[in-house]
Amino acid sequence: MFCATAIFALRARRWQTILEPVAGKLPFGPLWRATAVGMMVNNVVPARAGEIARAYALTKEAPLPFATSLASLAVDRLFDAIVLLLLAAIALLDPALSGVATLAGRPLSSFATGAGAVVVLLLLALYALVFFPQHLLRMFELFARRVSPAIEQRGRKAVETFIQGLSVLRSPGRFAAVFGWTLAHWLLNALGFWLSFKAVGITAPLSAALFLQAFIALGTAVPALPGFFGVFEYMSVQGLAVYGVGQQQAATWAIGYHLFSFIPITVIGAYYFARLGVNLRDLRPALDAAG
């Protein structure tokens, strides 16, 4: 429970560094409260509405445009994807796994190679956006004019805002800081997984937790039920099967971990939600103003 809740404090601290180039160094308190609100909304409302609530909650306490706050979360998620894929690739190279082990009919080593390649491509794409933004904008304008000229202006504004959010990548030191906070976040999360393995008698190594969190993130990337109930459990059972964990034991772990990680941040987020006076009905006007 401690690990599964403390990761959100690390997420808030990382958000501070992501926003620093465009908003200065914001106090930690508003970032933590907005993060808690966002995770609570994700847990009780479908379709990842918590990301919008998180961005909006920050604007209630900080002098920050909603569009900038929302764009920064795209950077937040991109770093998550990079670090998760990197850790999963490392996990799949662990000698604890058999060289002939397969997933979806393919050798695990091929997934490790593929994950590493995706990380490299993501980084190249991000830096292309940072250093050659006009090329991207020109391509978007040409596409928008052919598809729907009416969205060209609003779409260009959205793309410009996103590129501005990527300004954290212009500084090697700031990039390293964001990467470091992201790494700390997912290593602490993996530690929570591994400790809960011990609680239900699963003897899988720490590398299994590194792999499993990426595998679960892949399944929950698509908007689904509030709190990802059902999807989390299914992906957990399938992922732990790679390490020889039986279905019943894996399901016991998944249900227990999910509940114990769900309750604290949902309660904390609900408290801040009420305290900040955030209203879900306010999110639609905020989105319209941003776009």
C-alpha atoms as a PDB file:
ATOM      1  CA  MET A   1       0.000   0.000   0.000  1.00  0.00           C
ATOM      2  CA  PHE A   2       2.844   2.370   0.822  1.00  0.00           C
ATOM      3  CA  CYS A   3       4.672   1.762  -2.472  1.00  0.00           C
ATOM      4  CA  ALA A   4       1.485   1.917  -4.538  1.00  0.00           C
ATOM      5  CA  THR A   5       0.567   5.289  -3.001  1.00  0.00           C
ATOM      6  CA  ALA A   6       4.032   6.871  -2.760  1.00  0.00           C
ATOM      7  CA  ILE A   7       4.519   6.561  -6.531  1.00  0.00           C
ATOM      8  CA  PHE A   8       2.012   9.378  -7.003  1.00  0.00           C
ATOM      9  CA  ALA A   9       4.159  11.737  -4.931  1.00  0.00           C
ATOM     10  CA  LEU A  10       7.051  10.904  -7.283  1.00  0.00           C
ATOM     11  CA  ARG A  11       4.742  11.523 -10.239  1.00  0.00           C
ATOM     12  CA  ALA A  12       3.841  14.958  -8.859  1.00  0.00           C
ATOM     13  CA  ARG A  13       7.513  15.807  -8.334  1.00  0.00           C
ATOM     14  CA  ARG A  14       8.299  14.783 -11.915  1.00  0.00           C
ATOM     15  CA  TRP A  15       5.433  16.946 -13.176  1.00  0.00           C
ATOM     16  CA  GLN A  16       7.065  19.914 -11.445  1.00  0.00           C
ATOM     17  CA  THR A  17      10.214  19.444 -13.544  1.00  0.00           C
ATOM     18  CA  ILE A  18       8.238  18.930 -16.774  1.00  0.00           C
ATOM     19  CA  LEU A  19       6.358  22.207 -16.250  1.00  0.00           C
ATOM     20  CA  GLU A  20       9.356  24.259 -15.102  1.00  0.00           C
ATOM     21  CA  PRO A  21      10.425  25.505 -18.579  1.00  0.00           C
ATOM     22  CA  VAL A  22       6.952  26.922 -19.314  1.00  0.00           C
ATOM     23  CA  ALA A  23       5.584  27.759 -15.841  1.00  0.00           C
ATOM     24  CA  GLY A  24       8.563  28.225 -13.533  1.00  0.00           C
ATOM     25  CA  LYS A  25       9.033  26.089 -10.443  1.00  0.00           C
ATOM     26  CA  LEU A  26       5.522  25.477  -9.128  1.00  0.00           C
ATOM     27  CA  PRO A  27       5.025  24.509  -5.459  1.00  0.00           C
ATOM     28  CA  PHE A  28       4.828  20.773  -4.819  1.00  0.00           C
ATOM     29  CA  GLY A  29       1.512  20.975  -2.908  1.00  0.00           C
ATOM     30  CA  PRO A  30      -0.785  21.911  -5.828  1.00  0.00           C
ATOM     31  CA  LEU A  31       0.913  19.341  -8.067  1.00  0.00           C
ATOM     32  CA  TRP A  32       0.416  16.578  -5.485  1.00  0.00           C
ATOM     33  CA  ARG A  33      -3.228  17.480  -4.907  1.00  0.00           C
ATOM     34  CA  ALA A  34      -3.959  17.637  -8.646  1.00  0.00           C
ATOM     35  CA  THR A  35      -2.257  14.271  -9.167  1.00  0.00           C
ATOM     36  CA  ALA A  36      -4.316  12.678  -6.399  1.00  0.00           C
ATOM     37  CA  VAL A  37      -7.525  14.132  -7.862  1.00  0.00           C
ATOM     38  CA  GLY A  38      -6.650  12.822 -11.308  1.00  0.00           C
ATOM     39  CA  MET A  39      -5.947   9.299 -10.084  1.00  0.00           C
ATOM     40  CA  MET A  40      -9.162   9.271  -8.045  1.00  0.00           C
ATOM     41  CA  VAL A  41     -11.197  10.291 -11.101  1.00  0.00           C
ATOM     42  CA  ASN A  42      -9.457   7.606 -13.190  1.00  0.00           C
ATOM     43  CA  ASN A  43     -10.544   5.094 -10.545  1.00  0.00           C
ATOM     44  CA  VAL A  44     -14.231   6.053 -10.569  1.00  0.00           C
ATOM     45  CA  VAL A  45     -14.889   7.428 -14.091  1.00  0.00           C
ATOM     46  CA  PRO A  46     -14.234   5.542 -17.368  1.00  0.00           C
ATOM     47  CA  ALA A  47     -12.160   6.574 -20.408  1.00  0.00           C
ATOM     48  CA  ARG A  48      -9.188   8.002 -18.440  1.00  0.00           C
ATOM     49  CA  ALA A  49     -11.087  11.167 -17.577  1.00  0.00           C
ATOM     50  CA  GLY A  50      -8.649  11.564 -14.698  1.00  0.00           C
ATOM     51  CA  GLU A  51      -6.017  13.029 -17.017  1.00  0.00           C
ATOM     52  CA  ILE A  52      -8.330  15.925 -17.836  1.00  0.00           C
ATOM     53  CA  ALA A  53      -9.331  16.300 -14.178  1.00  0.00           C
ATOM     54  CA  ARG A  54      -5.682  16.319 -13.127  1.00  0.00           C
ATOM     55  CA  ALA A  55      -4.794  19.102 -15.566  1.00  0.00           C
ATOM     56  CA  TYR A  56      -7.863  21.124 -14.574  1.00  0.00           C
ATOM     57  CA  ALA A  57      -7.313  20.674 -10.824  1.00  0.00           C
ATOM     58  CA  LEU A  58      -3.839  22.185 -11.145  1.00  0.00           C
ATOM     59  CA  THR A  59      -5.254  25.316 -12.798  1.00  0.00           C
ATOM     60  CA  LYS A  60      -7.475  25.813  -9.728  1.00  0.00           C
ATOM     61  CA  GLU A  61      -4.370  26.476  -7.600  1.00  0.00           C
ATOM     62  CA  ALA A  62      -1.642  27.536 -10.028  1.00  0.00           C
ATOM     63  CA  PRO A  63      -1.515  30.414 -12.584  1.00  0.00           C
ATOM     64  CA  LEU A  64      -1.274  28.021 -15.507  1.00  0.00           C
ATOM     65  CA  PRO A  65      -3.385  27.782 -18.696  1.00  0.00           C
ATOM     66  CA  PHE A  66      -5.379  24.576 -18.921  1.00  0.00           C
ATOM     67  CA  ALA A  67      -3.968  23.825 -22.396  1.00  0.00           C
ATOM     68  CA  THR A  68      -0.399  23.969 -21.061  1.00  0.00           C
ATOM     69  CA  SER A  69      -1.263  21.810 -18.076  1.00  0.00           C
ATOM     70  CA  LEU A  70      -2.927  19.228 -20.317  1.00  0.00           C
ATOM     71  CA  ALA A  71      -0.079  19.207 -22.852  1.00  0.00           C
ATOM     72  CA  SER A  72       2.446  18.545 -20.089  1.00  0.00           C
ATOM     73  CA  LEU A  73       0.644  15.288 -19.302  1.00  0.00           C
ATOM     74  CA  ALA A  74       1.365  14.027 -22.807  1.00  0.00           C
ATOM     75  CA  VAL A  75       5.059  14.438 -21.983  1.00  0.00           C
ATOM     76  CA  ASP A  76       4.395  12.732 -18.638  1.00  0.00           C
ATOM     77  CA  ARG A  77       2.920   9.678 -20.377  1.00  0.00           C
ATOM     78  CA  LEU A  78       5.622   9.550 -23.038  1.00  0.00           C
ATOM     79  CA  PHE A  79       8.320   9.261 -20.384  1.00  0.00           C
ATOM     80  CA  ASP A  80       6.265   6.515 -18.724  1.00  0.00           C
ATOM     81  CA  ALA A  81       6.195   4.577 -21.988  1.00  0.00           C
ATOM     82  CA  ILE A  82       9.932   4.959 -22.552  1.00  0.00           C
ATOM     83  CA  VAL A  83      10.937   3.812 -19.056  1.00  0.00           C
ATOM     84  CA  LEU A  84       8.377   0.984 -18.901  1.00  0.00           C
ATOM     85  CA  LEU A  85       9.568  -0.416 -22.227  1.00  0.00           C
ATOM     86  CA  LEU A  86      13.200  -0.098 -21.180  1.00  0.00           C
ATOM     87  CA  LEU A  87      12.628  -1.906 -17.870  1.00  0.00           C
ATOM     88  CA  ALA A  88      10.549  -4.594 -19.585  1.00  0.00           C
ATOM     89  CA  ALA A  89      13.328  -5.190 -22.119  1.00  0.00           C
ATOM     90  CA  ILE A  90      15.832  -5.588 -19.270  1.00  0.00           C
ATOM     91  CA  ALA A  91      13.475  -7.972 -17.464  1.00  0.00           C
ATOM     92  CA  LEU A  92      13.054 -10.164 -20.526  1.00  0.00           C
ATOM     93  CA  LEU A  93      16.829 -10.629 -20.739  1.00  0.00           C
ATOM     94  CA  ASP A  94      16.961 -11.982 -17.162  1.00  0.00           C
ATOM     95  CA  PRO A  95      18.499 -15.503 -17.104  1.00  0.00           C
ATOM     96  CA  ALA A  96      15.676 -16.464 -14.728  1.00  0.00           C
ATOM     97  CA  LEU A  97      13.533 -16.852 -17.841  1.00  0.00           C
ATOM     98  CA  SER A  98      14.087 -19.846 -20.029  1.00  0.00           C
ATOM     99  CA  GLY A  99      15.633 -19.102 -23.420  1.00  0.00           C
ATOM    100  CA  VAL A 100      12.776 -21.019 -25.062  1.00  0.00           C
ATOM    101  CA  ALA A 101      10.000 -19.259 -23.142  1.00  0.00           C
ATOM    102  CA  THR A 102       7.415 -17.716 -25.436  1.00  0.00           C
ATOM    103  CA  LEU A 103       4.646 -15.152 -25.228  1.00  0.00           C
ATOM    104  CA  ALA A 104       1.882 -15.132 -27.837  1.00  0.00           C
ATOM    105  CA  GLY A 105       3.855 -17.746 -29.757  1.00  0.00           C
ATOM    106  CA  ARG A 106       7.007 -15.618 -30.027  1.00  0.00           C
ATOM    107  CA  PRO A 107      10.321 -15.922 -28.131  1.00  0.00           C
ATOM    108  CA  LEU A 108      10.582 -13.503 -25.217  1.00  0.00           C
ATOM    109  CA  SER A 109      13.934 -12.272 -26.500  1.00  0.00           C
ATOM    110  CA  SER A 110      12.188 -10.890 -29.598  1.00  0.00           C
ATOM    111  CA  PHE A 111       9.908  -8.803 -27.357  1.00  0.00           C
ATOM    112  CA  ALA A 112      12.960  -7.421 -25.550  1.00  0.00           C
ATOM    113  CA  THR A 113      14.554  -6.421 -28.846  1.00  0.00           C
ATOM    114  CA  GLY A 114      11.303  -4.888 -30.048  1.00  0.00           C
ATOM    115  CA  ALA A 115      10.832  -2.907 -26.831  1.00  0.00           C
ATOM    116  CA  GLY A 116      14.358  -1.506 -27.109  1.00  0.00           C
ATOM    117  CA  ALA A 117      13.745  -0.480 -30.709  1.00  0.00           C
ATOM    118  CA  VAL A 118      10.490   1.270 -29.758  1.00  0.00           C
ATOM    119  CA  VAL A 119      12.312   3.241 -27.032  1.00  0.00           C
ATOM    120  CA  VAL A 120      14.901   4.446 -29.560  1.00  0.00           C
ATOM    121  CA  LEU A 121      12.208   5.397 -32.103  1.00  0.00           C
ATOM    122  CA  LEU A 122      10.192   7.276 -29.457  1.00  0.00           C
ATOM    123  CA  LEU A 123      13.227   9.306 -28.427  1.00  0.00           C
ATOM    124  CA  LEU A 124      14.106  10.101 -32.050  1.00  0.00           C
ATOM    125  CA  ALA A 125      10.525  11.183 -32.737  1.00  0.00           C
ATOM    126  CA  LEU A 126      10.424  13.393 -29.649  1.00  0.00           C
ATOM    127  CA  TYR A 127      13.667  15.149 -30.504  1.00  0.00           C
ATOM    128  CA  ALA A 128      12.503  15.626 -34.092  1.00  0.00           C
ATOM    129  CA  LEU A 129       9.450  17.441 -32.696  1.00  0.00           C
ATOM    130  CA  VAL A 130      11.620  19.583 -30.422  1.00  0.00           C
ATOM    131  CA  PHE A 131      14.235  20.667 -32.951  1.00  0.00           C
ATOM    132  CA  PHE A 132      12.175  20.660 -36.176  1.00  0.00           C
ATOM    133  CA  PRO A 133       8.705  21.818 -35.064  1.00  0.00           C
ATOM    134  CA  GLN A 134       7.952  23.829 -38.216  1.00  0.00           C
ATOM    135  CA  HIS A 135       8.197  20.707 -40.358  1.00  0.00           C
ATOM    136  CA  LEU A 136       5.570  18.976 -38.213  1.00  0.00           C
ATOM    137  CA  LEU A 137       3.290  22.016 -38.286  1.00  0.00           C
ATOM    138  CA  ARG A 138       3.584  22.277 -42.067  1.00  0.00           C
ATOM    139  CA  MET A 139       2.698  18.594 -42.482  1.00  0.00           C
ATOM    140  CA  PHE A 140      -0.287  18.974 -40.152  1.00  0.00           C
ATOM    141  CA  GLU A 141      -1.576  22.025 -42.054  1.00  0.00           C
ATOM    142  CA  LEU A 142      -1.363  20.199 -45.390  1.00  0.00           C
ATOM    143  CA  PHE A 143      -3.202  17.219 -43.936  1.00  0.00           C
ATOM    144  CA  ALA A 144      -5.877  19.334 -42.212  1.00  0.00           C
ATOM    145  CA  ARG A 145      -6.639  21.345 -45.349  1.00  0.00           C
ATOM    146  CA  ARG A 146      -7.341  18.174 -47.281  1.00  0.00           C
ATOM    147  CA  VAL A 147      -9.402  16.480 -44.560  1.00  0.00           C
ATOM    148  CA  SER A 148     -11.216  19.345 -42.811  1.00  0.00           C
ATOM    149  CA  PRO A 149     -10.049  22.960 -43.199  1.00  0.00           C
ATOM    150  CA  ALA A 150     -12.282  23.925 -40.258  1.00  0.00           C
ATOM    151  CA  ILE A 151     -10.021  22.134 -37.782  1.00  0.00           C
ATOM    152  CA  GLU A 152      -6.774  23.550 -39.171  1.00  0.00           C
ATOM    153  CA  GLN A 153      -6.498  26.539 -36.833  1.00  0.00           C
ATOM    154  CA  ARG A 154      -7.596  24.702 -33.671  1.00  0.00           C
ATOM    155  CA  GLY A 155      -5.443  21.718 -34.549  1.00  0.00           C
ATOM    156  CA  ARG A 156      -2.379  23.884 -35.153  1.00  0.00           C
ATOM    157  CA  LYS A 157      -2.865  25.475 -31.736  1.00  0.00           C
ATOM    158  CA  ALA A 158      -3.057  22.040 -30.108  1.00  0.00           C
ATOM    159  CA  VAL A 159       0.102  20.861 -31.882  1.00  0.00           C
ATOM    160  CA  GLU A 160       1.981  24.051 -30.903  1.00  0.00           C
ATOM    161  CA  THR A 161       0.936  23.585 -27.278  1.00  0.00           C
ATOM    162  CA  PHE A 162       2.139  19.979 -27.326  1.00  0.00           C
ATOM    163  CA  ILE A 163       5.496  20.974 -28.813  1.00  0.00           C
ATOM    164  CA  GLN A 164       5.846  23.680 -26.157  1.00  0.00           C
ATOM    165  CA  GLY A 165       5.301  21.017 -23.510  1.00  0.00           C
ATOM    166  CA  LEU A 166       8.227  19.082 -24.970  1.00  0.00           C
ATOM    167  CA  SER A 167      10.593  21.970 -24.214  1.00  0.00           C
ATOM    168  CA  VAL A 168      11.842  19.971 -21.212  1.00  0.00           C
ATOM    169  CA  LEU A 169      13.815  17.911 -23.752  1.00  0.00           C
ATOM    170  CA  ARG A 170      15.892  20.918 -24.831  1.00  0.00           C
ATOM    171  CA  SER A 171      17.941  20.774 -21.633  1.00  0.00           C
ATOM    172  CA  PRO A 172      19.997  17.589 -21.096  1.00  0.00           C
ATOM    173  CA  GLY A 173      19.982  18.200 -17.341  1.00  0.00           C
ATOM    174  CA  ARG A 174      16.211  18.590 -17.194  1.00  0.00           C
ATOM    175  CA  PHE A 175      15.703  15.565 -19.415  1.00  0.00           C
ATOM    176  CA  ALA A 176      17.905  13.524 -17.062  1.00  0.00           C
ATOM    177  CA  ALA A 177      15.905  14.772 -14.061  1.00  0.00           C
ATOM    178  CA  VAL A 178      12.558  13.801 -15.605  1.00  0.00           C
ATOM    179  CA  PHE A 179      13.977  10.434 -16.652  1.00  0.00           C
ATOM    180  CA  GLY A 180      15.346   9.895 -13.140  1.00  0.00           C
ATOM    181  CA  TRP A 181      12.006  10.663 -11.456  1.00  0.00           C
ATOM    182  CA  THR A 182      10.250   8.367 -13.935  1.00  0.00           C
ATOM    183  CA  LEU A 183      12.741   5.584 -13.233  1.00  0.00           C
ATOM    184  CA  ALA A 184      12.280   6.020  -9.468  1.00  0.00           C
ATOM    185  CA  HIS A 185       8.496   5.910  -9.908  1.00  0.00           C
ATOM    186  CA  TRP A 186       8.468   2.610 -11.796  1.00  0.00           C
ATOM    187  CA  LEU A 187      11.161   0.956  -9.689  1.00  0.00           C
ATOM    188  CA  LEU A 188       9.153   1.768  -6.549  1.00  0.00           C
ATOM    189  CA  ASN A 189       6.019   0.431  -8.237  1.00  0.00           C
ATOM    190  CA  ALA A 190       7.865  -2.771  -9.146  1.00  0.00           C
ATOM    191  CA  LEU A 191       9.033  -3.087  -5.547  1.00  0.00           C
ATOM    192  CA  GLY A 192       5.397  -2.914  -4.451  1.00  0.00           C
ATOM    193  CA  PHE A 193       4.547  -5.685  -6.922  1.00  0.00           C
ATOM    194  CA  TRP A 194       7.419  -7.845  -5.663  1.00  0.00           C
ATOM    195  CA  LEU A 195       6.540  -7.361  -1.986  1.00  0.00           C
ATOM    196  CA  SER A 196       2.970  -8.391  -2.720  1.00  0.00           C
ATOM    197  CA  PHE A 197       4.293 -11.463  -4.571  1.00  0.00           C
ATOM    198  CA  LYS A 198       5.849 -12.470  -1.261  1.00  0.00           C
ATOM    199  CA  ALA A 199       2.560 -11.894   0.566  1.00  0.00           C
ATOM    200  CA  VAL A 200       0.749 -14.554  -1.501  1.00  0.00           C
ATOM    201  CA  GLY A 201       3.670 -16.992  -1.825  1.00  0.00           C
ATOM    202  CA  ILE A 202       4.755 -16.182  -5.401  1.00  0.00           C
ATOM    203  CA  THR A 203       8.508 -16.773  -5.756  1.00  0.00           C
ATOM    204  CA  ALA A 204       9.041 -14.835  -8.994  1.00  0.00           C
ATOM    205  CA  PRO A 205      12.117 -12.535  -9.150  1.00  0.00           C
ATOM    206  CA  LEU A 206      12.048  -8.733  -9.104  1.00  0.00           C
ATOM    207  CA  SER A 207      12.496  -8.788 -12.877  1.00  0.00           C
ATOM    208  CA  ALA A 208       9.037 -10.400 -13.073  1.00  0.00           C
ATOM    209  CA  ALA A 209       7.590  -7.275 -11.472  1.00  0.00           C
ATOM    210  CA  LEU A 210       9.420  -5.093 -14.023  1.00  0.00           C
ATOM    211  CA  PHE A 211       7.932  -7.133 -16.852  1.00  0.00           C
ATOM    212  CA  LEU A 212       4.466  -7.418 -15.320  1.00  0.00           C
ATOM    213  CA  GLN A 213       3.952  -3.692 -14.753  1.00  0.00           C
ATOM    214  CA  ALA A 214       4.743  -2.983 -18.419  1.00  0.00           C
ATOM    215  CA  PHE A 215       2.490  -5.838 -19.549  1.00  0.00           C
ATOM    216  CA  ILE A 216      -0.391  -4.524 -17.423  1.00  0.00           C
ATOM    217  CA  ALA A 217       0.225  -0.947 -18.647  1.00  0.00           C
ATOM    218  CA  LEU A 218      -0.112  -2.236 -22.220  1.00  0.00           C
ATOM    219  CA  GLY A 219      -3.519  -3.722 -21.409  1.00  0.00           C
ATOM    220  CA  THR A 220      -4.793  -0.679 -19.540  1.00  0.00           C
ATOM    221  CA  ALA A 221      -3.581   1.838 -22.145  1.00  0.00           C
ATOM    222  CA  VAL A 222      -6.947   1.612 -23.900  1.00  0.00           C
ATOM    223  CA  PRO A 223      -9.728   3.437 -21.965  1.00  0.00           C
ATOM    224  CA  ALA A 224     -11.889   0.883 -20.167  1.00  0.00           C
ATOM    225  CA  LEU A 225     -13.929   0.472 -17.013  1.00  0.00           C
ATOM    226  CA  PRO A 226     -13.233   2.778 -14.041  1.00  0.00           C
ATOM    227  CA  GLY A 227     -10.195   1.609 -12.106  1.00  0.00           C
ATOM    228  CA  PHE A 228      -9.364  -0.891 -14.892  1.00  0.00           C
ATOM    229  CA  PHE A 229     -11.077  -3.681 -12.970  1.00  0.00           C
ATOM    230  CA  GLY A 230     -11.136  -6.879 -14.964  1.00  0.00           C
ATOM    231  CA  VAL A 231      -8.435  -5.757 -17.414  1.00  0.00           C
ATOM    232  CA  PHE A 232      -5.843  -5.466 -14.623  1.00  0.00           C
ATOM    233  CA  GLU A 233      -6.667  -8.939 -13.325  1.00  0.00           C
ATOM    234  CA  TYR A 234      -6.671 -10.555 -16.781  1.00  0.00           C
ATOM    235  CA  MET A 235      -3.309  -9.041 -17.774  1.00  0.00           C
ATOM    236  CA  SER A 236      -1.838 -10.035 -14.396  1.00  0.00           C
ATOM    237  CA  VAL A 237      -2.819 -13.686 -14.825  1.00  0.00           C
ATOM    238  CA  GLN A 238      -1.461 -13.789 -18.385  1.00  0.00           C
ATOM    239  CA  GLY A 239       1.765 -12.014 -17.457  1.00  0.00           C
ATOM    240  CA  LEU A 240       2.524 -14.138 -14.400  1.00  0.00           C
ATOM    241  CA  ALA A 241       1.906 -17.305 -16.426  1.00  0.00           C
ATOM    242  CA  VAL A 242       5.215 -16.535 -18.189  1.00  0.00           C
ATOM    243  CA  TYR A 243       6.911 -17.144 -14.831  1.00  0.00           C
ATOM    244  CA  GLY A 244       5.035 -20.363 -14.177  1.00  0.00           C
ATOM    245  CA  VAL A 245       2.560 -18.896 -11.690  1.00  0.00           C
ATOM    246  CA  GLY A 246      -0.770 -20.734 -11.627  1.00  0.00           C
ATOM    247  CA  GLN A 247      -3.988 -18.988 -12.573  1.00  0.00           C
ATOM    248  CA  GLN A 248      -5.541 -19.132  -9.086  1.00  0.00           C
ATOM    249  CA  GLN A 249      -2.455 -17.782  -7.323  1.00  0.00           C
ATOM    250  CA  ALA A 250      -1.996 -15.060  -9.944  1.00  0.00           C
ATOM    251  CA  ALA A 251      -5.656 -14.030  -9.628  1.00  0.00           C
ATOM    252  CA  THR A 252      -5.311 -13.883  -5.836  1.00  0.00           C
ATOM    253  CA  TRP A 253      -2.315 -11.564  -6.213  1.00  0.00           C
ATOM    254  CA  ALA A 254      -4.068  -9.385  -8.809  1.00  0.00           C
ATOM    255  CA  ILE A 255      -7.269  -8.907  -6.818  1.00  0.00           C
ATOM    256  CA  GLY A 256      -5.443  -8.247  -3.567  1.00  0.00           C
ATOM    257  CA  TYR A 257      -2.901  -5.841  -5.011  1.00  0.00           C
ATOM    258  CA  HIS A 258      -5.506  -4.002  -7.044  1.00  0.00           C
ATOM    259  CA  LEU A 259      -7.738  -3.373  -4.039  1.00  0.00           C
ATOM    260  CA  PHE A 260      -4.926  -2.322  -1.707  1.00  0.00           C
ATOM    261  CA  SER A 261      -3.518   0.088  -4.311  1.00  0.00           C
ATOM    262  CA  PHE A 262      -6.968   1.392  -5.296  1.00  0.00           C
ATOM    263  CA  ILE A 263      -8.285   2.418  -1.878  1.00  0.00           C
ATOM    264  CA  PRO A 264      -5.651   4.875  -0.488  1.00  0.00           C
ATOM    265  CA  ILE A 265      -5.227   7.149  -3.517  1.00  0.00           C
ATOM    266  CA  THR A 266      -8.974   7.127  -4.189  1.00  0.00           C
ATOM    267  CA  VAL A 267      -9.730   8.283  -0.645  1.00  0.00           C
ATOM    268  CA  ILE A 268      -6.945  10.911  -0.728  1.00  0.00           C
ATOM    269  CA  GLY A 269      -8.054  12.146  -4.155  1.00  0.00           C
ATOM    270  CA  ALA A 270     -11.709  12.346  -3.085  1.00  0.00           C
ATOM    271  CA  TYR A 271     -10.715  14.516  -0.119  1.00  0.00           C
ATOM    272  CA  TYR A 272      -8.793  16.967  -2.333  1.00  0.00           C
ATOM    273  CA  PHE A 273     -11.551  16.852  -4.961  1.00  0.00           C
ATOM    274  CA  ALA A 274     -14.039  18.125  -2.396  1.00  0.00           C
ATOM    275  CA  ARG A 275     -11.569  20.574  -0.860  1.00  0.00           C
ATOM    276  CA  LEU A 276     -10.636  22.174  -4.202  1.00  0.00           C
ATOM    277  CA  GLY A 277     -14.237  22.405  -5.328  1.00  0.00           C
ATOM    278  CA  VAL A 278     -13.518  20.612  -8.597  1.00  0.00           C
ATOM    279  CA  ASN A 279     -16.650  19.724 -10.554  1.00  0.00           C
ATOM    280  CA  LEU A 280     -16.674  17.242 -13.419  1.00  0.00           C
ATOM    281  CA  ARG A 281     -19.161  19.445 -15.259  1.00  0.00           C
ATOM    282  CA  ASP A 282     -16.466  22.144 -15.426  1.00  0.00           C
ATOM    283  CA  LEU A 283     -14.174  19.958 -17.547  1.00  0.00           C
ATOM    284  CA  ARG A 284     -16.092  20.356 -20.814  1.00  0.00           C
ATOM    285  CA  PRO A 285     -15.811  24.176 -20.913  1.00  0.00           C
ATOM    286  CA  ALA A 286     -12.133  23.862 -19.991  1.00  0.00           C
ATOM    287  CA  LEU A 287     -11.531  21.490 -22.906  1.00  0.00           C
ATOM    288  CA  ASP A 288     -13.373  23.783 -25.315  1.00  0.00           C
ATOM    289  CA  ALA A 289     -11.285  26.751 -24.167  1.00  0.00           C
ATOM    290  CA  ALA A 290      -8.073  24.773 -24.631  1.00  0.00           C
ATOM    291  CA  GLY A 291      -8.922  23.582 -28.138  1.00  0.00           C
END
